[in-house]
Every structure is written in structure tokens, then in C-alpha cells.
């Protein structure tokens, strides 16, 4: 479904007015966002073109509050934190559509490297990225610890990762930002037990995890009930949400298959109700990773969220 077709369908079904007339900021229990990672992944995999102005116009029209950026897409890498003109220009781009850059994505492979100097360099990079996030007006920052063990044991890797994340938590706290990380089935960290161990060892209020139903579902046995793992992890440990459906499988041998809400086997209303019951009031981003029609995924995700929140 192309963007124009999607919006026409919304208007015809009376869904679009319901989405765009969201609750006032004083009554909303969460904020919603789109992820540029989804558009980037589909553009790369399916050779599609998504003009950034079209994406942002769509997000504004449908009633989203913000956007999560991904490095090096659609054009160029993140600005440095001292590049004030570039940062101001980037903020103006999103401001004109009434959207907040709520988070920026970051690799965290070196956060658990056995080489202490590499971990130190990664922490320095995250200090820079946190300053950038502050300049962009972000509430959050996301981290993905991919990569191999590189000769260390799992215990050592978790200890190294947790130590690095604890430093990020301290820096994030000083800037009023929530730092959150996500583990995925292809990562070396890919179990509920490991996720709990990381959270317990970090033990910092400004360093939490990301709830992604597709990953939680696979870690929970592909039952369609990722909310069960969410309840065990605790909603209070969720920094923000990457929202998606799944069929409980891996996509092409890669990460958890992401599907538009309602197209998989996840109990979507239960996931959202669990977040609501647990007092979650942060950001819920629609994660359209490699979903062929990311616009359709955003519409279906926002509709599901608005029914509960």
C-alpha cells in the first residue's frame, strides 16, 4: 500500500480522523513515534525510495509525536555534538512537521569487548552521542550490543557490557535522558536470563531495556504471548518500546520477523494492556523493520495503540 493509497483508505474507513484527533497532551499516557530504521531497511532490501519529506508529512498527518533516527540514513551520518548549525538544521526539519526526535540508535558491540581500551573508547563515543541527543531534544537513546564474544566467556561479556552500560546510565542521568538497550535472537545476548542479568548488574534508573514484542516472543518460546516475559522482566524496567507483531520466526535467518500489528500471532491488545497496567507512560515507536509497506505498518500500529492508550 503506497502512502497516498493508505491515507485514502484511512479516510474512507473513518480511521484517519480517529488517529489524527489523538488525545490532548495532558491526557495521553504515552507518545507515539515512527522508526526511520524500518524505512531504511525496506529501501535497502527492496530497492524502494522513501523521500524523507514524504515520511515526515505522513507521520504528522497520522498523528505521531516523534521519530527515532538511524545513523547514515537517509543522507549522511549523525552530526557531531559541537556542529551546532547542522543540529539546528536537523531540528528545524522535524519541527516543521510537529515531530520530536525522541531517540537516536547506536551500535554497542564495543561495549562488551574484552579489550578495556575499546570499551573506554565506546563509552567516550556514547558521551558524544548523548550530548548530540540532548542537542536534538531527545528523551531517549537506544543501544544494540551485537557482535561475538571474542574469546571471553558469557559471564565476562555480561560483566563488561553491564559495566559500560552503567557508565552510560550515569551520563544519561546527568542530561535527563533515558538510555535503553535491546537484545535480539541473533545476538550473543539472546535469552531472558541474560537480559535480567544485565539489568541487575547495571542497576541504574537511567539505563533500561527496550520492549520489542517480536524479540520477547522468540525468547518466550514463540507462543504469541510476549507479554508474559514482559511481566516477568517488569514494565518498570522498560525504557521505551519498539512495537511490532511477529509470527514467532526469524526473517531470512536474521532477526525476529517483524509484521504489521494484526498480521502475526502476537496478542497485541494484551501487550499494550500490560504496559498500561504497569504504568508505562513513555515512547512507543512503530518498528517497521523489513516490513514491505512501512506506511501500512505505522497505520496499523498506531490504531492498535490508540485503542488501549
Protein backbone atom coordinates (compact mmCIF):
# COMPACT_ATOMS: atom_id res chain seq x y z
CA UNK A 1 0.00 0.00 0.00
CA UNK A 2 1.54 3.30 -1.07
CA UNK A 3 1.35 6.31 1.24
CA UNK A 4 -1.34 8.09 -0.80
CA UNK A 5 -3.41 4.89 -1.07
CA UNK A 6 -3.03 4.28 2.65
CA UNK A 7 -4.28 7.72 3.55
CA UNK A 8 -7.20 7.41 1.16
CA UNK A 9 -8.13 4.11 2.76
CA UNK A 10 -7.98 5.69 6.19
CA UNK A 11 -10.28 8.48 5.16
CA UNK A 12 -12.75 6.09 3.57
CA UNK A 13 -12.91 3.88 6.66
CA UNK A 14 -13.16 6.82 9.08
CA UNK A 15 -9.99 5.59 10.77
CA UNK A 16 -7.85 8.54 9.78
CA UNK A 17 -9.86 11.12 11.76
CA UNK A 18 -9.67 8.88 14.82
CA UNK A 19 -5.92 8.63 14.50
CA UNK A 20 -5.24 12.27 13.81
CA UNK A 21 -7.54 13.51 16.56
CA UNK A 22 -5.47 11.93 19.31
CA UNK A 23 -5.93 12.83 22.96
CA UNK A 24 -4.52 16.07 24.26
CA UNK A 25 -1.01 16.03 25.68
CA UNK A 26 -2.45 16.46 29.16
CA UNK A 27 -4.40 13.17 28.96
CA UNK A 28 -2.17 10.99 26.75
CA UNK A 29 -0.49 8.16 28.65
CA UNK A 30 2.26 7.64 26.08
CA UNK A 31 3.78 9.22 22.99
CA UNK A 32 3.96 7.50 19.62
CA UNK A 33 6.71 7.57 17.02
CA UNK A 34 7.86 6.05 13.76
CA UNK A 35 11.26 4.48 13.26
CA UNK A 36 13.42 5.51 10.33
CA UNK A 37 15.17 2.13 10.70
CA UNK A 38 12.16 0.45 9.12
CA UNK A 39 12.13 2.71 6.09
CA UNK A 40 15.91 2.36 5.77
CA UNK A 41 15.73 -1.45 5.87
CA UNK A 42 12.99 -1.66 3.23
CA UNK A 43 14.73 0.88 0.99
CA UNK A 44 17.90 -1.18 1.16
CA UNK A 45 16.35 -4.64 0.85
CA UNK A 46 13.57 -3.95 -1.64
CA UNK A 47 15.24 -1.14 -3.61
CA UNK A 48 12.50 1.33 -2.73
CA UNK A 49 12.71 5.08 -2.37
CA UNK A 50 11.22 6.89 0.62
CA UNK A 51 11.72 10.68 0.45
CA UNK A 52 12.23 11.97 3.98
CA UNK A 53 9.72 14.79 3.47
CA UNK A 54 7.06 12.24 2.50
CA UNK A 55 7.75 10.12 5.59
CA UNK A 56 7.55 13.11 7.92
CA UNK A 57 4.46 14.51 6.24
CA UNK A 58 2.81 11.11 6.66
CA UNK A 59 3.81 10.85 10.34
CA UNK A 60 2.44 14.31 11.05
CA UNK A 61 -0.81 13.64 9.19
CA UNK A 62 -1.48 10.39 11.03
CA UNK A 63 -0.82 11.99 14.41
CA UNK A 64 2.53 10.61 15.54
CA UNK A 65 4.51 12.61 18.08
CA UNK A 66 8.06 11.80 17.08
CA UNK A 67 10.74 9.91 15.18
CA UNK A 68 13.70 7.72 16.09
CA UNK A 69 16.73 8.39 13.88
CA UNK A 70 19.11 5.80 12.47
CA UNK A 71 22.70 6.66 11.61
CA UNK A 72 23.66 7.28 7.98
CA UNK A 73 20.10 7.37 6.58
CA UNK A 74 18.60 8.94 4.59
CA UNK A 75 21.71 11.05 3.95
CA UNK A 76 24.91 11.31 5.95
CA UNK A 77 26.00 10.31 9.41
CA UNK A 78 24.88 11.87 12.68
CA UNK A 79 26.23 15.38 13.31
CA UNK A 80 28.89 15.83 15.95
CA UNK A 81 27.61 17.34 19.17
CA UNK A 82 29.52 20.57 18.54
CA UNK A 83 28.16 21.04 14.99
CA UNK A 84 25.55 23.47 16.17
CA UNK A 85 24.38 24.60 12.72
CA UNK A 86 23.85 21.03 11.50
CA UNK A 87 21.96 20.14 14.67
CA UNK A 88 19.80 23.26 14.42
CA UNK A 89 19.06 22.48 10.77
CA UNK A 90 18.10 18.89 11.61
CA UNK A 91 15.81 20.04 14.40
CA UNK A 92 14.10 22.53 12.07
CA UNK A 93 13.38 19.72 9.62
CA UNK A 94 11.40 17.77 12.21
CA UNK A 95 9.97 20.80 13.97
CA UNK A 96 8.22 21.96 10.81
CA UNK A 97 6.22 18.73 10.84
CA UNK A 98 5.47 19.00 14.56
CA UNK A 99 7.63 15.96 15.33
CA UNK A 100 10.20 15.41 18.08
CA UNK A 101 13.40 13.46 17.52
CA UNK A 102 12.81 11.32 20.59
CA UNK A 103 15.78 8.94 20.20
CA UNK A 104 18.82 8.06 18.12
CA UNK A 105 20.03 4.49 17.51
CA UNK A 106 23.58 3.39 18.32
CA UNK A 107 25.70 0.27 17.96
CA UNK A 108 27.01 -1.17 21.22
CA UNK A 109 29.24 -4.02 20.05
CA UNK A 110 32.35 -2.50 21.63
CA UNK A 111 30.54 -2.03 24.95
CA UNK A 112 31.45 -5.62 25.89
CA UNK A 113 34.73 -6.02 24.00
CA UNK A 114 37.35 -7.89 26.09
CA UNK A 115 39.80 -5.06 25.33
CA UNK A 116 39.34 -2.41 28.04
CA UNK A 117 40.63 0.33 25.72
CA UNK A 118 37.92 -0.44 23.16
CA UNK A 119 35.28 -0.29 25.88
CA UNK A 120 36.71 3.01 27.05
CA UNK A 121 36.59 4.40 23.51
CA UNK A 122 32.96 3.25 23.15
CA UNK A 123 31.99 5.00 26.39
CA UNK A 124 33.64 8.17 25.07
CA UNK A 125 31.63 7.83 21.85
CA UNK A 126 28.43 7.43 23.87
CA UNK A 127 29.28 10.57 25.83
CA UNK A 128 29.42 12.35 22.48
CA UNK A 129 26.17 10.73 21.29
CA UNK A 130 24.37 11.67 24.50
CA UNK A 131 25.42 15.28 24.01
CA UNK A 132 24.09 15.06 20.44
CA UNK A 133 20.83 13.57 21.69
CA UNK A 134 20.49 16.42 24.17
CA UNK A 135 21.07 18.94 21.38
CA UNK A 136 18.42 17.28 19.24
CA UNK A 137 15.90 17.37 22.08
CA UNK A 138 15.77 13.61 22.60
CA UNK A 139 14.14 11.98 25.61
CA UNK A 140 15.89 8.65 24.95
CA UNK A 141 18.85 6.98 23.33
CA UNK A 142 18.95 3.38 22.07
CA UNK A 143 21.79 0.82 22.02
CA UNK A 144 22.18 -2.56 20.29
CA UNK A 145 25.00 -4.84 21.62
CA UNK A 146 25.71 -7.02 18.58
CA UNK A 147 28.90 -8.92 17.81
CA UNK A 148 30.66 -12.04 19.05
CA UNK A 149 32.20 -12.97 22.40
CA UNK A 150 35.73 -12.50 21.01
CA UNK A 151 37.36 -15.11 23.24
CA UNK A 152 35.66 -14.24 26.51
CA UNK A 153 33.10 -16.21 28.45
CA UNK A 154 29.43 -15.22 28.56
CA UNK A 155 29.85 -14.26 32.21
CA UNK A 156 32.75 -11.94 31.35
CA UNK A 157 30.84 -10.44 28.41
CA UNK A 158 27.81 -9.64 30.58
CA UNK A 159 30.05 -8.11 33.24
CA UNK A 160 31.85 -5.95 30.65
CA UNK A 161 28.59 -4.91 28.99
CA UNK A 162 26.97 -4.08 32.31
CA UNK A 163 29.94 -2.01 33.42
CA UNK A 164 29.86 0.01 30.19
CA UNK A 165 26.08 0.44 30.36
CA UNK A 166 26.32 1.62 33.96
CA UNK A 167 28.60 4.45 32.84
CA UNK A 168 26.12 5.34 30.09
CA UNK A 169 23.35 5.37 32.67
CA UNK A 170 25.27 7.85 34.79
CA UNK A 171 25.95 10.15 31.85
CA UNK A 172 22.37 9.89 30.61
CA UNK A 173 21.03 10.74 34.06
CA UNK A 174 23.10 13.93 34.16
CA UNK A 175 21.47 15.03 30.89
CA UNK A 176 17.93 13.97 31.75
CA UNK A 177 17.89 11.24 29.07
CA UNK A 178 16.72 7.63 29.30
CA UNK A 179 19.23 5.16 27.83
CA UNK A 180 17.82 1.82 26.72
CA UNK A 181 19.25 -1.30 25.09
CA UNK A 182 17.77 -4.13 23.06
CA UNK A 183 18.92 -7.74 22.73
CA UNK A 184 17.81 -9.86 19.77
CA UNK A 185 17.79 -13.59 18.90
CA UNK A 186 20.88 -13.36 16.61
CA UNK A 187 22.95 -11.59 19.30
CA UNK A 188 25.17 -13.46 21.76
CA UNK A 189 22.86 -12.00 24.40
CA UNK A 190 19.54 -13.54 23.44
CA UNK A 191 17.78 -15.02 26.47
CA UNK A 192 15.52 -13.74 29.21
CA UNK A 193 18.04 -14.88 31.81
CA UNK A 194 20.80 -12.83 30.18
CA UNK A 195 18.55 -9.77 29.89
CA UNK A 196 17.72 -9.96 33.59
CA UNK A 197 21.41 -10.41 34.48
CA UNK A 198 22.35 -7.28 32.52
CA UNK A 199 19.62 -5.20 34.15
CA UNK A 200 20.54 -6.43 37.63
CA UNK A 201 24.25 -5.80 37.16
CA UNK A 202 23.76 -2.34 35.65
CA UNK A 203 21.27 -1.39 38.37
CA UNK A 204 20.81 2.22 37.26
CA UNK A 205 17.46 4.03 36.92
CA UNK A 206 18.50 5.76 33.68
CA UNK A 207 19.52 2.52 31.94
CA UNK A 208 16.66 0.22 31.00
CA UNK A 209 15.73 -2.17 28.21
CA UNK A 210 13.53 -1.87 25.10
CA UNK A 211 10.35 -3.91 24.79
CA UNK A 212 10.04 -5.38 21.29
CA UNK A 213 7.25 -8.00 21.15
CA UNK A 214 8.94 -9.85 18.27
CA UNK A 215 12.15 -10.46 20.24
CA UNK A 216 10.37 -11.13 23.52
CA UNK A 217 8.12 -13.61 21.71
CA UNK A 218 11.05 -15.69 20.44
CA UNK A 219 12.71 -15.54 23.86
CA UNK A 220 9.39 -16.70 25.35
CA UNK A 221 9.13 -19.77 23.12
CA UNK A 222 7.31 -18.22 20.11
CA UNK A 223 3.94 -18.61 21.82
CA UNK A 224 2.41 -15.32 20.70
CA UNK A 225 2.45 -14.14 24.32
CA UNK A 226 5.49 -11.85 24.72
CA UNK A 227 3.55 -10.02 27.45
CA UNK A 228 4.33 -12.97 29.72
CA UNK A 229 8.05 -12.21 29.52
CA UNK A 230 7.30 -8.51 29.81
CA UNK A 231 5.52 -9.17 33.10
CA UNK A 232 8.50 -11.17 34.40
CA UNK A 233 11.01 -8.50 33.32
CA UNK A 234 8.79 -5.78 34.79
CA UNK A 235 7.30 -2.80 32.99
CA UNK A 236 9.32 -0.55 35.31
CA UNK A 237 12.45 -1.84 33.53
CA UNK A 238 11.25 -0.71 30.09
CA UNK A 239 12.87 2.49 28.80
CA UNK A 240 10.82 2.67 25.63
CA UNK A 241 9.05 0.37 23.17
CA UNK A 242 9.68 -0.87 19.63
CA UNK A 243 6.21 -2.08 18.72
CA UNK A 244 5.56 -4.77 16.12
CA UNK A 245 3.82 -8.08 15.51
CA UNK A 246 5.54 -11.35 14.55
CA UNK A 247 4.83 -14.95 13.60
CA UNK A 248 7.46 -16.26 16.02
CA UNK A 249 10.11 -16.99 13.40
CA UNK A 250 13.33 -15.43 12.16
CA UNK A 251 13.32 -13.41 8.94
CA UNK A 252 15.63 -14.97 6.34
CA UNK A 253 17.85 -16.35 9.08
CA UNK A 254 18.23 -12.87 10.56
CA UNK A 255 16.44 -11.19 13.43
CA UNK A 256 12.87 -11.80 14.60
CA UNK A 257 10.37 -11.41 11.78
CA UNK A 258 8.58 -8.07 12.15
CA UNK A 259 5.00 -7.85 10.89
CA UNK A 260 2.32 -5.17 10.92
CA UNK A 261 0.11 -5.32 14.01
CA UNK A 262 -2.62 -7.87 13.40
CA UNK A 263 -0.66 -9.76 10.71
CA UNK A 264 1.13 -12.10 13.15
CA UNK A 265 0.27 -14.25 16.15
CA UNK A 266 1.05 -11.83 18.99
CA UNK A 267 -1.72 -10.87 21.39
CA UNK A 268 -1.26 -7.17 20.61
CA UNK A 269 -4.02 -5.84 22.95
CA UNK A 270 -2.57 -7.86 25.85
CA UNK A 271 0.93 -6.46 25.27
CA UNK A 272 -0.41 -2.92 25.31
CA UNK A 273 -2.66 -3.59 28.31
CA UNK A 274 0.33 -4.99 30.21
CA UNK A 275 2.30 -1.81 29.51
CA UNK A 276 -0.66 0.34 30.57
CA UNK A 277 -1.31 -1.65 33.74
CA UNK A 278 2.39 -1.46 34.62
CA UNK A 279 2.29 2.33 34.48
CA UNK A 280 4.23 2.82 31.25
CA UNK A 281 3.93 6.41 30.02
CA UNK A 282 6.92 6.77 27.70
CA UNK A 283 7.52 6.39 23.96
CA UNK A 284 6.07 3.64 21.77
CA UNK A 285 7.74 3.52 18.37
CA UNK A 286 6.35 1.51 15.47
CA UNK A 287 9.19 -0.77 14.36
CA UNK A 288 8.68 -1.50 10.64
CA UNK A 289 11.93 -3.43 10.20
CA UNK A 290 11.90 -5.02 6.72
CA UNK A 291 8.10 -4.85 6.52
CA UNK A 292 7.47 -4.29 2.78
CA UNK A 293 4.95 -1.48 3.40
CA UNK A 294 6.18 0.53 6.40
CA UNK A 295 3.41 3.10 5.99
CA UNK A 296 0.78 0.40 6.43
CA UNK A 297 2.67 -0.95 9.46
CA UNK A 298 2.67 2.52 11.05
CA UNK A 299 -1.06 2.95 10.50
CA UNK A 300 -1.95 -0.46 11.95
CA UNK A 301 0.38 0.03 14.90
CA UNK A 302 -0.98 3.45 15.76
CA UNK A 303 -4.55 2.18 15.51
CA UNK A 304 -3.75 -0.62 17.99
CA UNK A 305 -2.04 1.77 20.43
CA UNK A 306 -4.86 4.31 20.31
CA UNK A 307 -7.40 1.64 21.21
CA UNK A 308 -5.62 0.97 24.51
CA UNK A 309 -3.81 4.18 25.40
